Amino acid sequence: MARVSDDELNQLAIELGDKLRARGWMLATAESCTGGWVGQLVTAIPGSSTWYERGFITYANDAKIEMLGVPEELLAMHGAVSEEVTSAMAAGALANSHAQAALAISGIAGPGGGTPQKPVGLVCYGWALADGTLMSSTCRLGGDREEIRSRAVAAALRGLIDLIA
């Protein structure tokens, strides 16, 4: 398996930016396993300041609680890698920004950290819009750490593109 190419990731970010700009919307991101990759990707695009408002890198559970308002009970009940938590992360990114659209990613990129219930490659996503729309998804990605993370970034971007299309 190969990592998603930089060209493909860049094209997805440009497409998302075009859709956001057409609506006059701003984006906020909440990233865990991708460590700010989405934020780096979108800020590499000239003019992205017209549609990218801010990003939260919330790798630790305490950061999810403190920066995004994810309820501690939700983390205790479902774990950080869950649709419940990524939905709360996306909603928290909206609530703690001036954006109208948000995406969130949490997963187990490996090589360690997986369990039989939550194996390496499990990634959860959350997307939120200012109108109250909240969507989530989970997938199992193959490959090494870099491949999993690049695929997670691509899937998060595609998910938000589809949601606002």
N, C-alpha and C. Protein backbone atom coordinates (compact mmCIF):
# COMPACT_ATOMS: atom_id res chain seq x y z
N MET A 1 0.85 -1.19 0.00
CA MET A 1 0.00 0.00 0.00
C MET A 1 0.88 1.24 0.00
N ALA A 2 0.41 2.24 -0.67
CA ALA A 2 1.18 3.48 -0.76
C ALA A 2 0.47 4.60 -0.02
N ARG A 3 1.26 5.54 0.37
CA ARG A 3 0.77 6.74 1.01
C ARG A 3 0.02 7.55 -0.04
N VAL A 4 -0.97 8.33 0.38
CA VAL A 4 -1.66 9.23 -0.54
C VAL A 4 -0.64 10.28 -0.98
N SER A 5 -0.58 10.54 -2.27
CA SER A 5 0.43 11.45 -2.79
C SER A 5 0.19 12.88 -2.31
N ASP A 6 1.28 13.64 -2.24
CA ASP A 6 1.18 15.05 -1.88
C ASP A 6 0.29 15.79 -2.88
N ASP A 7 0.39 15.43 -4.16
CA ASP A 7 -0.43 16.09 -5.18
C ASP A 7 -1.92 15.85 -4.92
N GLU A 8 -2.28 14.59 -4.59
CA GLU A 8 -3.68 14.28 -4.33
C GLU A 8 -4.18 15.02 -3.08
N LEU A 9 -3.36 15.03 -2.01
CA LEU A 9 -3.75 15.73 -0.80
C LEU A 9 -3.92 17.23 -1.08
N ASN A 10 -3.00 17.80 -1.84
CA ASN A 10 -3.07 19.21 -2.18
C ASN A 10 -4.33 19.51 -2.99
N GLN A 11 -4.67 18.65 -3.94
CA GLN A 11 -5.87 18.86 -4.74
C GLN A 11 -7.13 18.80 -3.89
N LEU A 12 -7.17 17.87 -2.93
CA LEU A 12 -8.32 17.79 -2.03
C LEU A 12 -8.45 19.06 -1.19
N ALA A 13 -7.32 19.56 -0.69
CA ALA A 13 -7.35 20.78 0.12
C ALA A 13 -7.80 21.97 -0.72
N ILE A 14 -7.34 22.05 -1.96
CA ILE A 14 -7.75 23.14 -2.85
C ILE A 14 -9.25 23.05 -3.12
N GLU A 15 -9.74 21.84 -3.39
CA GLU A 15 -11.18 21.65 -3.65
C GLU A 15 -12.01 22.06 -2.44
N LEU A 16 -11.57 21.66 -1.25
CA LEU A 16 -12.30 22.05 -0.04
C LEU A 16 -12.27 23.57 0.11
N GLY A 17 -11.12 24.17 -0.10
CA GLY A 17 -11.01 25.62 0.01
C GLY A 17 -11.93 26.34 -0.96
N ASP A 18 -12.01 25.83 -2.18
CA ASP A 18 -12.90 26.43 -3.18
C ASP A 18 -14.35 26.39 -2.72
N LYS A 19 -14.76 25.24 -2.16
CA LYS A 19 -16.15 25.09 -1.69
C LYS A 19 -16.43 26.02 -0.50
N LEU A 20 -15.49 26.11 0.41
CA LEU A 20 -15.67 26.98 1.57
C LEU A 20 -15.72 28.45 1.15
N ARG A 21 -14.77 28.84 0.32
CA ARG A 21 -14.70 30.23 -0.14
C ARG A 21 -15.98 30.63 -0.89
N ALA A 22 -16.52 29.73 -1.70
CA ALA A 22 -17.74 30.00 -2.46
C ALA A 22 -18.92 30.30 -1.53
N ARG A 23 -18.88 29.75 -0.32
CA ARG A 23 -19.96 29.98 0.65
C ARG A 23 -19.62 31.08 1.66
N GLY A 24 -18.40 31.58 1.59
CA GLY A 24 -17.98 32.57 2.58
C GLY A 24 -17.75 31.97 3.94
N TRP A 25 -17.42 30.67 3.97
CA TRP A 25 -17.22 29.95 5.23
C TRP A 25 -15.75 29.83 5.59
N MET A 26 -15.54 29.64 6.89
CA MET A 26 -14.21 29.36 7.44
C MET A 26 -14.19 27.93 7.97
N LEU A 27 -13.00 27.36 8.02
CA LEU A 27 -12.78 26.00 8.49
C LEU A 27 -12.00 26.01 9.79
N ALA A 28 -12.39 25.12 10.70
CA ALA A 28 -11.60 24.82 11.89
C ALA A 28 -11.33 23.32 11.88
N THR A 29 -10.15 22.93 12.33
CA THR A 29 -9.79 21.51 12.36
C THR A 29 -9.43 21.09 13.78
N ALA A 30 -9.73 19.83 14.09
CA ALA A 30 -9.36 19.23 15.38
C ALA A 30 -8.70 17.90 15.06
N GLU A 31 -7.40 17.83 15.27
CA GLU A 31 -6.65 16.65 14.87
C GLU A 31 -5.97 15.98 16.06
N SER A 32 -5.99 14.66 16.02
CA SER A 32 -5.27 13.88 17.01
C SER A 32 -4.17 13.09 16.30
N CYS A 33 -4.49 11.94 15.73
CA CYS A 33 -3.46 11.07 15.16
C CYS A 33 -2.73 11.69 13.97
N THR A 34 -3.32 12.69 13.33
CA THR A 34 -2.68 13.32 12.19
C THR A 34 -1.82 14.52 12.59
N GLY A 35 -1.84 14.89 13.84
CA GLY A 35 -0.91 15.85 14.40
C GLY A 35 -0.78 17.19 13.70
N GLY A 36 -1.84 17.67 13.09
CA GLY A 36 -1.79 18.96 12.43
C GLY A 36 -1.53 18.89 10.93
N TRP A 37 -1.54 17.67 10.38
CA TRP A 37 -1.26 17.50 8.95
C TRP A 37 -2.28 18.25 8.09
N VAL A 38 -3.57 18.20 8.47
CA VAL A 38 -4.58 18.93 7.71
C VAL A 38 -4.28 20.42 7.75
N GLY A 39 -3.97 20.93 8.93
CA GLY A 39 -3.65 22.35 9.06
C GLY A 39 -2.45 22.74 8.23
N GLN A 40 -1.42 21.93 8.25
CA GLN A 40 -0.22 22.21 7.45
C GLN A 40 -0.56 22.20 5.97
N LEU A 41 -1.37 21.24 5.57
CA LEU A 41 -1.74 21.09 4.17
C LEU A 41 -2.51 22.32 3.67
N VAL A 42 -3.50 22.74 4.43
CA VAL A 42 -4.32 23.86 3.95
C VAL A 42 -3.57 25.19 4.02
N THR A 43 -2.71 25.36 5.01
CA THR A 43 -1.97 26.63 5.10
C THR A 43 -0.85 26.72 4.08
N ALA A 44 -0.52 25.63 3.40
CA ALA A 44 0.46 25.66 2.32
C ALA A 44 -0.16 26.25 1.04
N ILE A 45 -1.48 26.38 1.01
CA ILE A 45 -2.18 26.91 -0.16
C ILE A 45 -2.24 28.43 -0.06
N PRO A 46 -1.70 29.13 -1.04
CA PRO A 46 -1.79 30.60 -1.02
C PRO A 46 -3.25 31.06 -0.94
N GLY A 47 -3.51 32.00 -0.06
CA GLY A 47 -4.86 32.52 0.09
C GLY A 47 -5.75 31.75 1.05
N SER A 48 -5.22 30.70 1.67
CA SER A 48 -6.05 29.89 2.57
C SER A 48 -6.51 30.67 3.79
N SER A 49 -5.90 31.80 4.07
CA SER A 49 -6.36 32.60 5.22
C SER A 49 -7.77 33.13 5.00
N THR A 50 -8.26 33.08 3.77
CA THR A 50 -9.64 33.50 3.51
C THR A 50 -10.65 32.44 3.88
N TRP A 51 -10.18 31.20 4.14
CA TRP A 51 -11.13 30.12 4.46
C TRP A 51 -10.68 29.18 5.57
N TYR A 52 -9.44 29.33 6.07
CA TYR A 52 -8.99 28.49 7.19
C TYR A 52 -8.81 29.37 8.40
N GLU A 53 -9.61 29.10 9.45
CA GLU A 53 -9.63 29.97 10.62
C GLU A 53 -8.66 29.53 11.72
N ARG A 54 -8.67 28.25 12.06
CA ARG A 54 -7.76 27.76 13.10
C ARG A 54 -7.78 26.25 13.16
N GLY A 55 -6.74 25.72 13.83
CA GLY A 55 -6.65 24.29 14.04
C GLY A 55 -6.28 23.97 15.47
N PHE A 56 -6.81 22.86 15.94
CA PHE A 56 -6.52 22.37 17.28
C PHE A 56 -5.80 21.03 17.12
N ILE A 57 -4.64 20.89 17.70
CA ILE A 57 -3.97 19.60 17.74
C ILE A 57 -4.16 19.08 19.16
N THR A 58 -5.04 18.10 19.29
CA THR A 58 -5.43 17.60 20.61
C THR A 58 -5.07 16.12 20.71
N TYR A 59 -3.80 15.87 20.84
CA TYR A 59 -3.30 14.50 20.87
C TYR A 59 -3.68 13.79 22.17
N ALA A 60 -3.52 14.49 23.27
CA ALA A 60 -3.84 13.91 24.58
C ALA A 60 -5.31 14.13 24.92
N ASN A 61 -5.87 13.22 25.71
CA ASN A 61 -7.27 13.36 26.12
C ASN A 61 -7.52 14.67 26.86
N ASP A 62 -6.57 15.08 27.71
CA ASP A 62 -6.74 16.34 28.44
C ASP A 62 -6.87 17.51 27.47
N ALA A 63 -6.16 17.47 26.37
CA ALA A 63 -6.26 18.54 25.38
C ALA A 63 -7.64 18.55 24.73
N LYS A 64 -8.18 17.37 24.47
CA LYS A 64 -9.53 17.28 23.90
C LYS A 64 -10.55 17.90 24.87
N ILE A 65 -10.38 17.63 26.15
CA ILE A 65 -11.28 18.16 27.17
C ILE A 65 -11.11 19.67 27.30
N GLU A 66 -9.86 20.12 27.46
CA GLU A 66 -9.59 21.53 27.75
C GLU A 66 -9.81 22.44 26.54
N MET A 67 -9.38 22.03 25.36
CA MET A 67 -9.43 22.91 24.19
C MET A 67 -10.74 22.82 23.41
N LEU A 68 -11.35 21.63 23.44
CA LEU A 68 -12.54 21.41 22.61
C LEU A 68 -13.81 21.17 23.42
N GLY A 69 -13.66 21.00 24.72
CA GLY A 69 -14.84 20.76 25.55
C GLY A 69 -15.40 19.36 25.43
N VAL A 70 -14.59 18.41 24.99
CA VAL A 70 -15.07 17.02 24.92
C VAL A 70 -15.32 16.55 26.36
N PRO A 71 -16.51 16.05 26.65
CA PRO A 71 -16.81 15.60 28.01
C PRO A 71 -15.90 14.44 28.43
N GLU A 72 -15.36 14.55 29.62
CA GLU A 72 -14.50 13.50 30.17
C GLU A 72 -15.22 12.15 30.19
N GLU A 73 -16.52 12.18 30.50
CA GLU A 73 -17.31 10.95 30.56
C GLU A 73 -17.40 10.27 29.19
N LEU A 74 -17.46 11.07 28.14
CA LEU A 74 -17.51 10.53 26.78
C LEU A 74 -16.22 9.79 26.45
N LEU A 75 -15.10 10.38 26.82
CA LEU A 75 -13.80 9.74 26.62
C LEU A 75 -13.70 8.46 27.43
N ALA A 76 -14.17 8.50 28.67
CA ALA A 76 -14.11 7.32 29.54
C ALA A 76 -14.99 6.20 29.00
N MET A 77 -16.14 6.55 28.47
CA MET A 77 -17.10 5.55 28.01
C MET A 77 -16.74 4.96 26.65
N HIS A 78 -16.28 5.81 25.73
CA HIS A 78 -16.07 5.36 24.35
C HIS A 78 -14.61 5.32 23.91
N GLY A 79 -13.74 6.04 24.61
CA GLY A 79 -12.34 6.13 24.20
C GLY A 79 -12.16 7.22 23.16
N ALA A 80 -10.91 7.70 23.03
CA ALA A 80 -10.62 8.80 22.11
C ALA A 80 -10.88 8.43 20.67
N VAL A 81 -10.68 7.16 20.33
CA VAL A 81 -10.91 6.71 18.95
C VAL A 81 -12.32 6.15 18.87
N SER A 82 -13.26 7.06 18.68
CA SER A 82 -14.68 6.71 18.58
C SER A 82 -15.41 7.82 17.84
N GLU A 83 -16.50 7.46 17.20
CA GLU A 83 -17.29 8.47 16.51
C GLU A 83 -17.90 9.46 17.49
N GLU A 84 -18.23 8.99 18.69
CA GLU A 84 -18.80 9.88 19.70
C GLU A 84 -17.81 11.00 20.02
N VAL A 85 -16.55 10.63 20.20
CA VAL A 85 -15.54 11.63 20.56
C VAL A 85 -15.19 12.51 19.37
N THR A 86 -15.04 11.94 18.18
CA THR A 86 -14.70 12.81 17.03
C THR A 86 -15.86 13.76 16.70
N SER A 87 -17.09 13.34 16.90
CA SER A 87 -18.22 14.25 16.73
C SER A 87 -18.13 15.40 17.73
N ALA A 88 -17.80 15.08 18.97
CA ALA A 88 -17.65 16.10 20.00
C ALA A 88 -16.45 17.01 19.70
N MET A 89 -15.39 16.43 19.14
CA MET A 89 -14.23 17.24 18.75
C MET A 89 -14.61 18.24 17.66
N ALA A 90 -15.34 17.78 16.65
CA ALA A 90 -15.75 18.67 15.56
C ALA A 90 -16.68 19.77 16.08
N ALA A 91 -17.64 19.39 16.90
CA ALA A 91 -18.55 20.37 17.48
C ALA A 91 -17.78 21.36 18.36
N GLY A 92 -16.81 20.87 19.10
CA GLY A 92 -15.99 21.73 19.95
C GLY A 92 -15.11 22.68 19.15
N ALA A 93 -14.62 22.21 18.00
CA ALA A 93 -13.82 23.09 17.13
C ALA A 93 -14.68 24.24 16.63
N LEU A 94 -15.94 23.95 16.28
CA LEU A 94 -16.85 25.03 15.86
C LEU A 94 -17.14 25.98 17.02
N ALA A 95 -17.44 25.41 18.18
CA ALA A 95 -17.82 26.23 19.33
C ALA A 95 -16.68 27.12 19.82
N ASN A 96 -15.44 26.70 19.57
CA ASN A 96 -14.28 27.44 20.05
C ASN A 96 -13.55 28.16 18.92
N SER A 97 -14.30 28.53 17.88
CA SER A 97 -13.73 29.24 16.74
C SER A 97 -14.81 30.14 16.15
N HIS A 98 -14.47 30.76 15.04
CA HIS A 98 -15.43 31.57 14.29
C HIS A 98 -15.76 30.90 12.96
N ALA A 99 -15.47 29.60 12.87
CA ALA A 99 -15.67 28.84 11.64
C ALA A 99 -17.12 28.40 11.49
N GLN A 100 -17.47 28.05 10.26
CA GLN A 100 -18.80 27.51 9.96
C GLN A 100 -18.74 26.03 9.59
N ALA A 101 -17.52 25.48 9.46
CA ALA A 101 -17.33 24.07 9.14
C ALA A 101 -16.12 23.57 9.91
N ALA A 102 -16.22 22.32 10.37
CA ALA A 102 -15.11 21.74 11.11
C ALA A 102 -14.98 20.26 10.78
N LEU A 103 -13.75 19.79 10.88
CA LEU A 103 -13.49 18.36 10.77
C LEU A 103 -12.62 17.93 11.93
N ALA A 104 -12.77 16.66 12.31
CA ALA A 104 -11.99 16.10 13.41
C ALA A 104 -11.53 14.70 13.03
N ILE A 105 -10.34 14.35 13.49
CA ILE A 105 -9.75 13.03 13.20
C ILE A 105 -9.12 12.49 14.48
N SER A 106 -9.39 11.20 14.77
CA SER A 106 -8.73 10.50 15.86
C SER A 106 -8.56 9.05 15.44
N GLY A 107 -7.40 8.50 15.69
CA GLY A 107 -7.18 7.12 15.25
C GLY A 107 -5.96 6.49 15.88
N ILE A 108 -5.73 5.27 15.47
CA ILE A 108 -4.57 4.51 15.95
C ILE A 108 -3.68 4.26 14.74
N ALA A 109 -2.63 5.07 14.62
CA ALA A 109 -1.77 5.03 13.44
C ALA A 109 -0.67 3.97 13.54
N GLY A 110 -0.43 3.46 14.74
CA GLY A 110 0.55 2.40 14.90
C GLY A 110 1.98 2.91 14.93
N PRO A 111 2.94 2.04 14.96
CA PRO A 111 2.76 0.60 14.82
C PRO A 111 2.18 -0.08 16.06
N GLY A 112 2.27 0.55 17.21
CA GLY A 112 1.70 -0.02 18.44
C GLY A 112 0.41 0.69 18.79
N GLY A 113 -0.15 0.34 19.94
CA GLY A 113 -1.31 1.03 20.46
C GLY A 113 -2.65 0.38 20.13
N GLY A 114 -2.65 -0.59 19.23
CA GLY A 114 -3.90 -1.23 18.88
C GLY A 114 -4.32 -2.29 19.88
N THR A 115 -5.60 -2.60 19.88
CA THR A 115 -6.16 -3.67 20.69
C THR A 115 -7.05 -4.50 19.77
N PRO A 116 -7.51 -5.67 20.21
CA PRO A 116 -8.44 -6.43 19.37
C PRO A 116 -9.72 -5.64 19.05
N GLN A 117 -10.18 -4.83 19.99
CA GLN A 117 -11.39 -4.03 19.77
C GLN A 117 -11.12 -2.80 18.90
N LYS A 118 -9.93 -2.24 19.05
CA LYS A 118 -9.53 -1.05 18.30
C LYS A 118 -8.14 -1.28 17.73
N PRO A 119 -8.07 -1.93 16.57
CA PRO A 119 -6.78 -2.29 15.99
C PRO A 119 -6.06 -1.10 15.34
N VAL A 120 -4.78 -1.27 15.12
CA VAL A 120 -4.01 -0.28 14.37
C VAL A 120 -4.69 -0.07 13.03
N GLY A 121 -4.83 1.17 12.63
CA GLY A 121 -5.49 1.52 11.38
C GLY A 121 -6.92 1.99 11.55
N LEU A 122 -7.48 1.83 12.76
CA LEU A 122 -8.84 2.30 13.02
C LEU A 122 -8.80 3.83 13.14
N VAL A 123 -9.59 4.49 12.33
CA VAL A 123 -9.64 5.95 12.35
C VAL A 123 -11.10 6.39 12.36
N CYS A 124 -11.39 7.36 13.22
CA CYS A 124 -12.73 7.93 13.32
C CYS A 124 -12.68 9.40 12.92
N TYR A 125 -13.77 9.84 12.31
CA TYR A 125 -13.88 11.20 11.80
C TYR A 125 -15.15 11.84 12.33
N GLY A 126 -15.11 13.15 12.47
CA GLY A 126 -16.29 13.92 12.78
C GLY A 126 -16.29 15.17 11.91
N TRP A 127 -17.48 15.56 11.45
CA TRP A 127 -17.64 16.77 10.66
C TRP A 127 -18.82 17.54 11.22
N ALA A 128 -18.67 18.84 11.32
CA ALA A 128 -19.74 19.67 11.87
C ALA A 128 -19.89 20.94 11.05
N LEU A 129 -21.13 21.36 10.89
CA LEU A 129 -21.43 22.62 10.21
C LEU A 129 -22.18 23.52 11.19
N ALA A 130 -22.08 24.82 10.96
CA ALA A 130 -22.70 25.79 11.87
C ALA A 130 -24.21 25.67 11.92
N ASP A 131 -24.83 25.05 10.91
CA ASP A 131 -26.30 24.88 10.93
C ASP A 131 -26.75 23.74 11.84
N GLY A 132 -25.80 23.10 12.53
CA GLY A 132 -26.13 22.01 13.44
C GLY A 132 -25.89 20.63 12.85
N THR A 133 -25.56 20.54 11.58
CA THR A 133 -25.24 19.26 10.96
C THR A 133 -24.02 18.66 11.63
N LEU A 134 -24.14 17.40 12.03
CA LEU A 134 -23.03 16.69 12.66
C LEU A 134 -23.01 15.28 12.08
N MET A 135 -21.88 14.90 11.49
CA MET A 135 -21.74 13.57 10.88
C MET A 135 -20.47 12.93 11.41
N SER A 136 -20.45 11.61 11.37
CA SER A 136 -19.25 10.89 11.80
C SER A 136 -19.11 9.63 10.98
N SER A 137 -17.90 9.08 11.01
CA SER A 137 -17.60 7.87 10.26
C SER A 137 -16.39 7.19 10.86
N THR A 138 -16.28 5.90 10.62
CA THR A 138 -15.13 5.12 11.07
C THR A 138 -14.66 4.26 9.91
N CYS A 139 -13.37 4.11 9.77
CA CYS A 139 -12.84 3.18 8.77
C CYS A 139 -11.58 2.52 9.31
N ARG A 140 -11.22 1.45 8.67
CA ARG A 140 -9.99 0.73 9.02
C ARG A 140 -9.06 0.87 7.84
N LEU A 141 -7.94 1.52 8.07
CA LEU A 141 -6.96 1.78 7.03
C LEU A 141 -5.77 0.85 7.17
N GLY A 142 -5.25 0.38 6.05
CA GLY A 142 -4.07 -0.47 6.07
C GLY A 142 -2.81 0.35 5.86
N GLY A 143 -1.70 -0.33 6.06
CA GLY A 143 -0.41 0.30 5.80
C GLY A 143 0.36 0.63 7.06
N ASP A 144 1.48 1.31 6.85
CA ASP A 144 2.30 1.73 7.99
C ASP A 144 1.77 3.07 8.53
N ARG A 145 2.44 3.59 9.53
CA ARG A 145 1.99 4.81 10.20
C ARG A 145 1.76 5.97 9.22
N GLU A 146 2.71 6.19 8.34
CA GLU A 146 2.63 7.28 7.38
C GLU A 146 1.46 7.07 6.41
N GLU A 147 1.28 5.85 5.97
CA GLU A 147 0.19 5.54 5.04
C GLU A 147 -1.17 5.74 5.72
N ILE A 148 -1.28 5.27 6.94
CA ILE A 148 -2.54 5.43 7.68
C ILE A 148 -2.85 6.90 7.88
N ARG A 149 -1.85 7.67 8.29
CA ARG A 149 -2.08 9.09 8.54
C ARG A 149 -2.43 9.85 7.26
N SER A 150 -1.75 9.56 6.16
CA SER A 150 -2.05 10.26 4.90
C SER A 150 -3.45 9.90 4.41
N ARG A 151 -3.82 8.65 4.56
CA ARG A 151 -5.17 8.24 4.14
C ARG A 151 -6.23 8.87 5.03
N ALA A 152 -5.92 9.01 6.33
CA ALA A 152 -6.86 9.65 7.25
C ALA A 152 -7.09 11.11 6.87
N VAL A 153 -6.03 11.82 6.52
CA VAL A 153 -6.15 13.21 6.09
C VAL A 153 -7.03 13.29 4.84
N ALA A 154 -6.75 12.43 3.86
CA ALA A 154 -7.53 12.43 2.62
C ALA A 154 -9.01 12.15 2.89
N ALA A 155 -9.28 11.16 3.73
CA ALA A 155 -10.67 10.79 4.03
C ALA A 155 -11.39 11.92 4.76
N ALA A 156 -10.71 12.61 5.66
CA ALA A 156 -11.33 13.72 6.38
C ALA A 156 -11.68 14.85 5.43
N LEU A 157 -10.77 15.18 4.52
CA LEU A 157 -11.04 16.22 3.54
C LEU A 157 -12.19 15.84 2.61
N ARG A 158 -12.15 14.60 2.10
CA ARG A 158 -13.23 14.13 1.21
C ARG A 158 -14.59 14.17 1.92
N GLY A 159 -14.59 13.76 3.20
CA GLY A 159 -15.84 13.75 3.95
C GLY A 159 -16.45 15.13 4.07
N LEU A 160 -15.63 16.14 4.32
CA LEU A 160 -16.16 17.50 4.46
C LEU A 160 -16.56 18.05 3.08
N ILE A 161 -15.78 17.74 2.06
CA ILE A 161 -16.15 18.15 0.70
C ILE A 161 -17.54 17.60 0.36
N ASP A 162 -17.74 16.32 0.62
CA ASP A 162 -19.04 15.68 0.33
C ASP A 162 -20.17 16.31 1.16
N LEU A 163 -19.89 16.60 2.42
CA LEU A 163 -20.92 17.14 3.30
C LEU A 163 -21.39 18.52 2.84
N ILE A 164 -20.47 19.35 2.38
CA ILE A 164 -20.88 20.71 2.00
C ILE A 164 -21.20 20.85 0.51
N ALA A 165 -21.03 19.78 -0.25
CA ALA A 165 -21.29 19.83 -1.71
C ALA A 165 -22.77 20.02 -2.00
